Amino acid sequence: MDLKTLFLLAALLLLSTTGCSYLFYPHAKEFTEKAKGTTGLETVINLTNMAEASAIAAKGGKGVDQSFDDLHNQFHAISDSICCIEKSVREQPTYALAVTHNKELKTIFKRLWKFKDDQPQRDQHLDLFVSELAELRETLQTLR
């Protein structure tokens, strides 16, 4: 095996066993641990509460300040944790709506990242993100 193939296999193994977000966003795992509930569903609900608090704290800021960085990692923690919800919950039809809300969060966050240095767009996208988090949380709570 040549060096290039070996490196590629090592990288593939690393990414498949640790999850990309935890490799590139190591604090996401820390937030997941802080939000740990008795079930995977509770953990995600707790993460939405944490992310909402960070988004509100990030209003009025600029760039990647502490609140924005926390929100960034919490966003990745939510994305990583939503697929770890118990199978019995994932089989419910309402879970599909939760997945849709999560995809909408991803779209909003991409725009938020683009405007992180520009007011008032940053705050407008933070408001939209908080609104979508609330919808996700409401959907998750119906799955209890």
N, C-alpha and C. Protein backbone atom coordinates (compact mmCIF):
# COMPACT_ATOMS: atom_id res chain seq x y z
N MET A 1 0.84 -1.16 0.00
CA MET A 1 0.00 0.00 0.00
C MET A 1 0.89 1.24 0.00
N ASP A 2 0.58 2.18 -0.89
CA ASP A 2 1.38 3.40 -0.93
C ASP A 2 0.93 4.38 0.17
N LEU A 3 1.70 5.39 0.40
CA LEU A 3 1.47 6.36 1.47
C LEU A 3 0.16 7.12 1.26
N LYS A 4 -0.15 7.45 0.03
CA LYS A 4 -1.38 8.20 -0.27
C LYS A 4 -2.61 7.37 0.10
N THR A 5 -2.62 6.12 -0.25
CA THR A 5 -3.75 5.23 0.07
C THR A 5 -3.87 5.03 1.58
N LEU A 6 -2.76 4.87 2.23
CA LEU A 6 -2.76 4.70 3.69
C LEU A 6 -3.32 5.93 4.38
N PHE A 7 -2.90 7.10 3.93
CA PHE A 7 -3.41 8.35 4.50
C PHE A 7 -4.91 8.48 4.28
N LEU A 8 -5.37 8.16 3.09
CA LEU A 8 -6.79 8.23 2.77
C LEU A 8 -7.60 7.28 3.65
N LEU A 9 -7.12 6.08 3.84
CA LEU A 9 -7.81 5.12 4.70
C LEU A 9 -7.84 5.58 6.15
N ALA A 10 -6.73 6.15 6.62
CA ALA A 10 -6.67 6.65 8.00
C ALA A 10 -7.66 7.80 8.18
N ALA A 11 -7.73 8.70 7.22
CA ALA A 11 -8.66 9.83 7.30
C ALA A 11 -10.11 9.34 7.27
N LEU A 12 -10.40 8.38 6.42
CA LEU A 12 -11.74 7.82 6.33
C LEU A 12 -12.13 7.14 7.64
N LEU A 13 -11.22 6.39 8.22
CA LEU A 13 -11.48 5.73 9.49
C LEU A 13 -11.72 6.74 10.59
N LEU A 14 -10.93 7.77 10.64
CA LEU A 14 -11.07 8.81 11.66
C LEU A 14 -12.42 9.51 11.53
N LEU A 15 -12.80 9.88 10.33
CA LEU A 15 -14.06 10.58 10.12
C LEU A 15 -15.26 9.69 10.40
N SER A 16 -15.18 8.42 10.06
CA SER A 16 -16.33 7.53 10.25
C SER A 16 -16.51 7.10 11.70
N THR A 17 -15.47 7.18 12.52
CA THR A 17 -15.61 6.74 13.90
C THR A 17 -15.85 7.89 14.87
N THR A 18 -15.49 9.11 14.52
CA THR A 18 -15.66 10.21 15.46
C THR A 18 -16.77 11.16 15.06
N GLY A 19 -17.22 11.12 13.83
CA GLY A 19 -18.23 12.08 13.37
C GLY A 19 -17.54 13.37 12.99
N CYS A 20 -17.88 13.90 11.86
CA CYS A 20 -17.22 15.11 11.36
C CYS A 20 -17.35 16.28 12.32
N SER A 21 -18.53 16.49 12.86
CA SER A 21 -18.70 17.66 13.70
C SER A 21 -17.81 17.60 14.93
N TYR A 22 -17.66 16.44 15.51
CA TYR A 22 -16.82 16.36 16.70
C TYR A 22 -15.34 16.49 16.34
N LEU A 23 -14.99 16.20 15.11
CA LEU A 23 -13.62 16.39 14.68
C LEU A 23 -13.35 17.88 14.43
N PHE A 24 -14.26 18.53 13.74
CA PHE A 24 -14.07 19.93 13.37
C PHE A 24 -14.66 20.90 14.40
N TYR A 25 -15.60 20.42 15.19
CA TYR A 25 -16.25 21.24 16.21
C TYR A 25 -16.23 20.49 17.53
N PRO A 26 -15.07 20.36 18.15
CA PRO A 26 -14.94 19.52 19.34
C PRO A 26 -15.79 19.99 20.52
N HIS A 27 -16.11 21.28 20.56
CA HIS A 27 -16.93 21.77 21.67
C HIS A 27 -18.38 21.33 21.54
N ALA A 28 -18.80 20.89 20.36
CA ALA A 28 -20.16 20.39 20.18
C ALA A 28 -20.39 19.20 21.11
N LYS A 29 -19.41 18.36 21.23
CA LYS A 29 -19.53 17.19 22.11
C LYS A 29 -19.65 17.62 23.57
N GLU A 30 -18.92 18.67 23.94
CA GLU A 30 -19.01 19.18 25.31
C GLU A 30 -20.42 19.69 25.60
N PHE A 31 -21.02 20.40 24.65
CA PHE A 31 -22.37 20.90 24.84
C PHE A 31 -23.37 19.74 24.90
N THR A 32 -23.14 18.71 24.11
CA THR A 32 -24.03 17.54 24.16
C THR A 32 -23.96 16.90 25.54
N GLU A 33 -22.78 16.82 26.10
CA GLU A 33 -22.64 16.25 27.45
C GLU A 33 -23.32 17.12 28.50
N LYS A 34 -23.20 18.43 28.37
CA LYS A 34 -23.86 19.34 29.32
C LYS A 34 -25.38 19.23 29.23
N ALA A 35 -25.88 18.97 28.03
CA ALA A 35 -27.33 18.91 27.81
C ALA A 35 -27.91 17.52 28.03
N LYS A 36 -27.07 16.57 28.37
CA LYS A 36 -27.48 15.17 28.48
C LYS A 36 -28.73 15.01 29.33
N GLY A 37 -29.75 14.42 28.74
CA GLY A 37 -30.98 14.10 29.44
C GLY A 37 -31.09 12.61 29.66
N THR A 38 -32.21 12.18 30.18
CA THR A 38 -32.38 10.75 30.41
C THR A 38 -32.64 9.99 29.11
N THR A 39 -33.04 10.74 28.07
CA THR A 39 -33.25 10.13 26.74
C THR A 39 -32.57 11.02 25.70
N GLY A 40 -32.40 10.48 24.52
CA GLY A 40 -31.85 11.26 23.42
C GLY A 40 -32.76 12.43 23.07
N LEU A 41 -34.06 12.22 23.16
CA LEU A 41 -35.03 13.27 22.89
C LEU A 41 -34.87 14.42 23.87
N GLU A 42 -34.74 14.11 25.14
CA GLU A 42 -34.53 15.15 26.15
C GLU A 42 -33.23 15.90 25.91
N THR A 43 -32.20 15.20 25.50
CA THR A 43 -30.92 15.86 25.21
C THR A 43 -31.08 16.90 24.12
N VAL A 44 -31.78 16.56 23.05
CA VAL A 44 -31.96 17.51 21.95
C VAL A 44 -32.81 18.70 22.40
N ILE A 45 -33.84 18.44 23.18
CA ILE A 45 -34.67 19.53 23.71
C ILE A 45 -33.80 20.45 24.57
N ASN A 46 -32.97 19.88 25.42
CA ASN A 46 -32.06 20.69 26.25
C ASN A 46 -31.10 21.51 25.39
N LEU A 47 -30.62 20.91 24.31
CA LEU A 47 -29.73 21.63 23.40
C LEU A 47 -30.44 22.81 22.74
N THR A 48 -31.71 22.63 22.40
CA THR A 48 -32.44 23.75 21.78
C THR A 48 -32.58 24.91 22.77
N ASN A 49 -32.77 24.58 24.04
CA ASN A 49 -32.85 25.62 25.07
C ASN A 49 -31.52 26.36 25.20
N MET A 50 -30.43 25.60 25.20
CA MET A 50 -29.10 26.21 25.30
C MET A 50 -28.81 27.10 24.08
N ALA A 51 -29.15 26.60 22.90
CA ALA A 51 -28.90 27.34 21.67
C ALA A 51 -29.73 28.62 21.63
N GLU A 52 -30.95 28.56 22.13
CA GLU A 52 -31.78 29.76 22.15
C GLU A 52 -31.15 30.83 23.05
N ALA A 53 -30.68 30.42 24.22
CA ALA A 53 -30.04 31.37 25.14
C ALA A 53 -28.79 31.98 24.50
N SER A 54 -28.01 31.18 23.80
CA SER A 54 -26.80 31.68 23.13
C SER A 54 -27.15 32.63 21.99
N ALA A 55 -28.20 32.30 21.24
CA ALA A 55 -28.61 33.15 20.12
C ALA A 55 -29.07 34.51 20.62
N ILE A 56 -29.81 34.51 21.70
CA ILE A 56 -30.27 35.78 22.28
C ILE A 56 -29.08 36.58 22.79
N ALA A 57 -28.13 35.90 23.42
CA ALA A 57 -26.92 36.58 23.92
C ALA A 57 -26.04 37.11 22.79
N ALA A 58 -26.11 36.48 21.61
CA ALA A 58 -25.27 36.89 20.48
C ALA A 58 -25.80 38.12 19.76
N LYS A 59 -27.04 38.51 20.07
CA LYS A 59 -27.61 39.68 19.41
C LYS A 59 -26.81 40.93 19.75
N GLY A 60 -26.63 41.76 18.76
CA GLY A 60 -25.88 43.01 18.94
C GLY A 60 -24.38 42.83 18.79
N GLY A 61 -23.93 41.61 18.65
CA GLY A 61 -22.49 41.36 18.53
C GLY A 61 -22.01 41.43 17.10
N LYS A 62 -20.75 41.06 16.95
CA LYS A 62 -20.13 41.07 15.63
C LYS A 62 -19.08 39.98 15.58
N GLY A 63 -18.99 39.29 14.45
CA GLY A 63 -17.99 38.25 14.29
C GLY A 63 -18.27 37.03 15.15
N VAL A 64 -17.22 36.27 15.39
CA VAL A 64 -17.35 35.05 16.18
C VAL A 64 -16.98 35.38 17.62
N ASP A 65 -17.90 36.04 18.31
CA ASP A 65 -17.69 36.31 19.73
C ASP A 65 -18.08 35.05 20.51
N GLN A 66 -17.97 35.08 21.82
CA GLN A 66 -18.19 33.87 22.62
C GLN A 66 -19.60 33.31 22.45
N SER A 67 -20.60 34.17 22.49
CA SER A 67 -21.99 33.69 22.35
C SER A 67 -22.21 33.07 20.98
N PHE A 68 -21.66 33.70 19.95
CA PHE A 68 -21.82 33.18 18.60
C PHE A 68 -21.08 31.84 18.45
N ASP A 69 -19.91 31.74 19.02
CA ASP A 69 -19.15 30.49 18.98
C ASP A 69 -19.90 29.38 19.71
N ASP A 70 -20.46 29.71 20.86
CA ASP A 70 -21.27 28.72 21.59
C ASP A 70 -22.45 28.28 20.75
N LEU A 71 -23.13 29.23 20.13
CA LEU A 71 -24.27 28.89 19.28
C LEU A 71 -23.84 27.99 18.13
N HIS A 72 -22.71 28.30 17.53
CA HIS A 72 -22.18 27.49 16.43
C HIS A 72 -21.99 26.04 16.87
N ASN A 73 -21.36 25.84 18.02
CA ASN A 73 -21.13 24.49 18.51
C ASN A 73 -22.43 23.80 18.94
N GLN A 74 -23.34 24.56 19.52
CA GLN A 74 -24.63 23.99 19.92
C GLN A 74 -25.45 23.59 18.69
N PHE A 75 -25.36 24.38 17.64
CA PHE A 75 -26.02 24.03 16.39
C PHE A 75 -25.52 22.69 15.87
N HIS A 76 -24.20 22.50 15.90
CA HIS A 76 -23.65 21.21 15.46
C HIS A 76 -24.04 20.08 16.40
N ALA A 77 -24.12 20.36 17.67
CA ALA A 77 -24.54 19.35 18.65
C ALA A 77 -25.98 18.92 18.37
N ILE A 78 -26.84 19.86 18.06
CA ILE A 78 -28.23 19.52 17.72
C ILE A 78 -28.26 18.64 16.48
N SER A 79 -27.55 19.06 15.44
CA SER A 79 -27.53 18.30 14.19
C SER A 79 -27.01 16.89 14.39
N ASP A 80 -26.00 16.75 15.24
CA ASP A 80 -25.43 15.42 15.50
C ASP A 80 -26.35 14.58 16.37
N SER A 81 -27.08 15.21 17.27
CA SER A 81 -27.87 14.47 18.26
C SER A 81 -29.26 14.09 17.77
N ILE A 82 -29.77 14.79 16.79
CA ILE A 82 -31.14 14.53 16.36
C ILE A 82 -31.28 13.12 15.77
N CYS A 83 -30.22 12.62 15.20
CA CYS A 83 -30.29 11.26 14.64
C CYS A 83 -30.05 10.19 15.71
N CYS A 84 -29.70 10.62 16.93
CA CYS A 84 -29.45 9.67 18.02
C CYS A 84 -30.66 9.50 18.93
N ILE A 85 -31.76 10.10 18.54
CA ILE A 85 -33.00 9.93 19.29
C ILE A 85 -33.43 8.47 19.16
N GLU A 86 -34.07 7.98 20.19
CA GLU A 86 -34.47 6.58 20.26
C GLU A 86 -35.27 6.16 19.02
N LYS A 87 -35.07 4.92 18.60
CA LYS A 87 -35.71 4.41 17.39
C LYS A 87 -37.23 4.49 17.47
N SER A 88 -37.79 4.19 18.62
CA SER A 88 -39.26 4.24 18.76
C SER A 88 -39.79 5.65 18.49
N VAL A 89 -39.03 6.66 18.85
CA VAL A 89 -39.42 8.05 18.60
C VAL A 89 -39.21 8.38 17.12
N ARG A 90 -38.10 7.95 16.57
CA ARG A 90 -37.81 8.24 15.15
C ARG A 90 -38.84 7.62 14.21
N GLU A 91 -39.51 6.58 14.66
CA GLU A 91 -40.51 5.91 13.82
C GLU A 91 -41.85 6.63 13.81
N GLN A 92 -42.03 7.61 14.68
CA GLN A 92 -43.27 8.38 14.71
C GLN A 92 -43.29 9.37 13.54
N PRO A 93 -44.45 9.57 12.93
CA PRO A 93 -44.53 10.49 11.78
C PRO A 93 -44.06 11.92 12.10
N THR A 94 -44.27 12.38 13.31
CA THR A 94 -43.89 13.74 13.68
C THR A 94 -42.37 13.93 13.68
N TYR A 95 -41.62 12.85 13.82
CA TYR A 95 -40.16 12.96 13.79
C TYR A 95 -39.69 13.54 12.45
N ALA A 96 -40.39 13.20 11.37
CA ALA A 96 -40.02 13.73 10.05
C ALA A 96 -40.09 15.26 10.04
N LEU A 97 -41.07 15.82 10.76
CA LEU A 97 -41.18 17.27 10.85
C LEU A 97 -39.99 17.84 11.63
N ALA A 98 -39.56 17.15 12.68
CA ALA A 98 -38.38 17.58 13.44
C ALA A 98 -37.14 17.60 12.55
N VAL A 99 -37.00 16.61 11.70
CA VAL A 99 -35.87 16.56 10.77
C VAL A 99 -35.93 17.74 9.80
N THR A 100 -37.14 18.07 9.34
CA THR A 100 -37.30 19.22 8.45
C THR A 100 -36.91 20.52 9.16
N HIS A 101 -37.34 20.68 10.41
CA HIS A 101 -36.94 21.87 11.18
C HIS A 101 -35.43 21.93 11.33
N ASN A 102 -34.80 20.80 11.55
CA ASN A 102 -33.34 20.76 11.67
C ASN A 102 -32.67 21.19 10.37
N LYS A 103 -33.22 20.76 9.25
CA LYS A 103 -32.67 21.17 7.95
C LYS A 103 -32.86 22.67 7.73
N GLU A 104 -33.99 23.21 8.19
CA GLU A 104 -34.22 24.64 8.08
C GLU A 104 -33.23 25.40 8.96
N LEU A 105 -32.93 24.87 10.15
CA LEU A 105 -31.91 25.49 11.01
C LEU A 105 -30.58 25.57 10.29
N LYS A 106 -30.24 24.51 9.58
CA LYS A 106 -28.97 24.48 8.85
C LYS A 106 -28.92 25.59 7.80
N THR A 107 -30.01 25.76 7.07
CA THR A 107 -30.08 26.80 6.05
C THR A 107 -29.97 28.19 6.68
N ILE A 108 -30.69 28.40 7.77
CA ILE A 108 -30.66 29.69 8.45
C ILE A 108 -29.26 29.95 9.00
N PHE A 109 -28.62 28.91 9.58
CA PHE A 109 -27.30 29.13 10.15
C PHE A 109 -26.27 29.47 9.08
N LYS A 110 -26.39 28.87 7.90
CA LYS A 110 -25.46 29.22 6.82
C LYS A 110 -25.56 30.71 6.48
N ARG A 111 -26.78 31.23 6.43
CA ARG A 111 -26.97 32.65 6.16
C ARG A 111 -26.48 33.49 7.34
N LEU A 112 -26.75 33.02 8.55
CA LEU A 112 -26.28 33.72 9.75
C LEU A 112 -24.77 33.82 9.74
N TRP A 113 -24.11 32.74 9.38
CA TRP A 113 -22.64 32.75 9.31
C TRP A 113 -22.16 33.79 8.30
N LYS A 114 -22.85 33.87 7.16
CA LYS A 114 -22.47 34.83 6.13
C LYS A 114 -22.57 36.26 6.66
N PHE A 115 -23.58 36.54 7.49
CA PHE A 115 -23.83 37.88 7.98
C PHE A 115 -23.36 38.11 9.42
N LYS A 116 -22.47 37.28 9.91
CA LYS A 116 -22.04 37.38 11.32
C LYS A 116 -21.37 38.71 11.64
N ASP A 117 -20.82 39.38 10.63
CA ASP A 117 -20.14 40.66 10.84
C ASP A 117 -21.00 41.87 10.47
N ASP A 118 -22.19 41.63 9.94
CA ASP A 118 -23.01 42.71 9.40
C ASP A 118 -24.32 42.88 10.17
N GLN A 119 -24.45 44.04 10.80
CA GLN A 119 -25.72 44.38 11.44
C GLN A 119 -26.54 45.17 10.43
N PRO A 120 -27.83 45.07 10.35
CA PRO A 120 -28.74 44.34 11.22
C PRO A 120 -29.02 42.92 10.76
N GLN A 121 -28.37 42.48 9.65
CA GLN A 121 -28.65 41.14 9.12
C GLN A 121 -28.35 40.05 10.14
N ARG A 122 -27.27 40.22 10.91
CA ARG A 122 -26.92 39.22 11.92
C ARG A 122 -28.08 39.05 12.90
N ASP A 123 -28.57 40.15 13.44
CA ASP A 123 -29.65 40.07 14.42
C ASP A 123 -30.94 39.55 13.80
N GLN A 124 -31.20 39.91 12.56
CA GLN A 124 -32.41 39.40 11.89
C GLN A 124 -32.34 37.88 11.74
N HIS A 125 -31.17 37.38 11.37
CA HIS A 125 -31.01 35.94 11.21
C HIS A 125 -31.00 35.23 12.56
N LEU A 126 -30.47 35.88 13.59
CA LEU A 126 -30.55 35.31 14.93
C LEU A 126 -32.00 35.19 15.38
N ASP A 127 -32.82 36.19 15.09
CA ASP A 127 -34.25 36.13 15.43
C ASP A 127 -34.92 34.97 14.69
N LEU A 128 -34.60 34.83 13.42
CA LEU A 128 -35.16 33.73 12.63
C LEU A 128 -34.70 32.38 13.17
N PHE A 129 -33.44 32.30 13.56
CA PHE A 129 -32.90 31.07 14.12
C PHE A 129 -33.62 30.71 15.42
N VAL A 130 -33.85 31.69 16.28
CA VAL A 130 -34.56 31.46 17.54
C VAL A 130 -35.98 30.98 17.27
N SER A 131 -36.62 31.58 16.30
CA SER A 131 -37.98 31.17 15.94
C SER A 131 -38.01 29.72 15.47
N GLU A 132 -37.04 29.35 14.64
CA GLU A 132 -36.99 27.97 14.14
C GLU A 132 -36.64 26.99 15.25
N LEU A 133 -35.78 27.41 16.18
CA LEU A 133 -35.48 26.56 17.34
C LEU A 133 -36.73 26.29 18.16
N ALA A 134 -37.55 27.32 18.34
CA ALA A 134 -38.80 27.16 19.10
C ALA A 134 -39.72 26.16 18.40
N GLU A 135 -39.81 26.25 17.08
CA GLU A 135 -40.63 25.30 16.33
C GLU A 135 -40.09 23.88 16.45
N LEU A 136 -38.78 23.74 16.38
CA LEU A 136 -38.17 22.42 16.55
C LEU A 136 -38.47 21.88 17.95
N ARG A 137 -38.28 22.70 18.95
CA ARG A 137 -38.52 22.27 20.33
C ARG A 137 -39.98 21.85 20.54
N GLU A 138 -40.92 22.64 20.01
CA GLU A 138 -42.34 22.29 20.13
C GLU A 138 -42.62 20.95 19.47
N THR A 139 -42.04 20.73 18.31
CA THR A 139 -42.23 19.46 17.61
C THR A 139 -41.64 18.31 18.42
N LEU A 140 -40.44 18.51 18.96
CA LEU A 140 -39.82 17.46 19.77
C LEU A 140 -40.63 17.16 21.02
N GLN A 141 -41.22 18.19 21.62
CA GLN A 141 -41.99 17.97 22.84
C GLN A 141 -43.26 17.15 22.56
N THR A 142 -43.78 17.24 21.35
CA THR A 142 -44.96 16.40 21.02
C THR A 142 -44.57 14.94 20.88
N LEU A 143 -43.30 14.67 20.71
CA LEU A 143 -42.82 13.29 20.55
C LEU A 143 -42.60 12.58 21.91
N ARG A 144 -42.73 13.33 23.00
CA ARG A 144 -42.51 12.73 24.33
C ARG A 144 -43.52 11.66 24.61
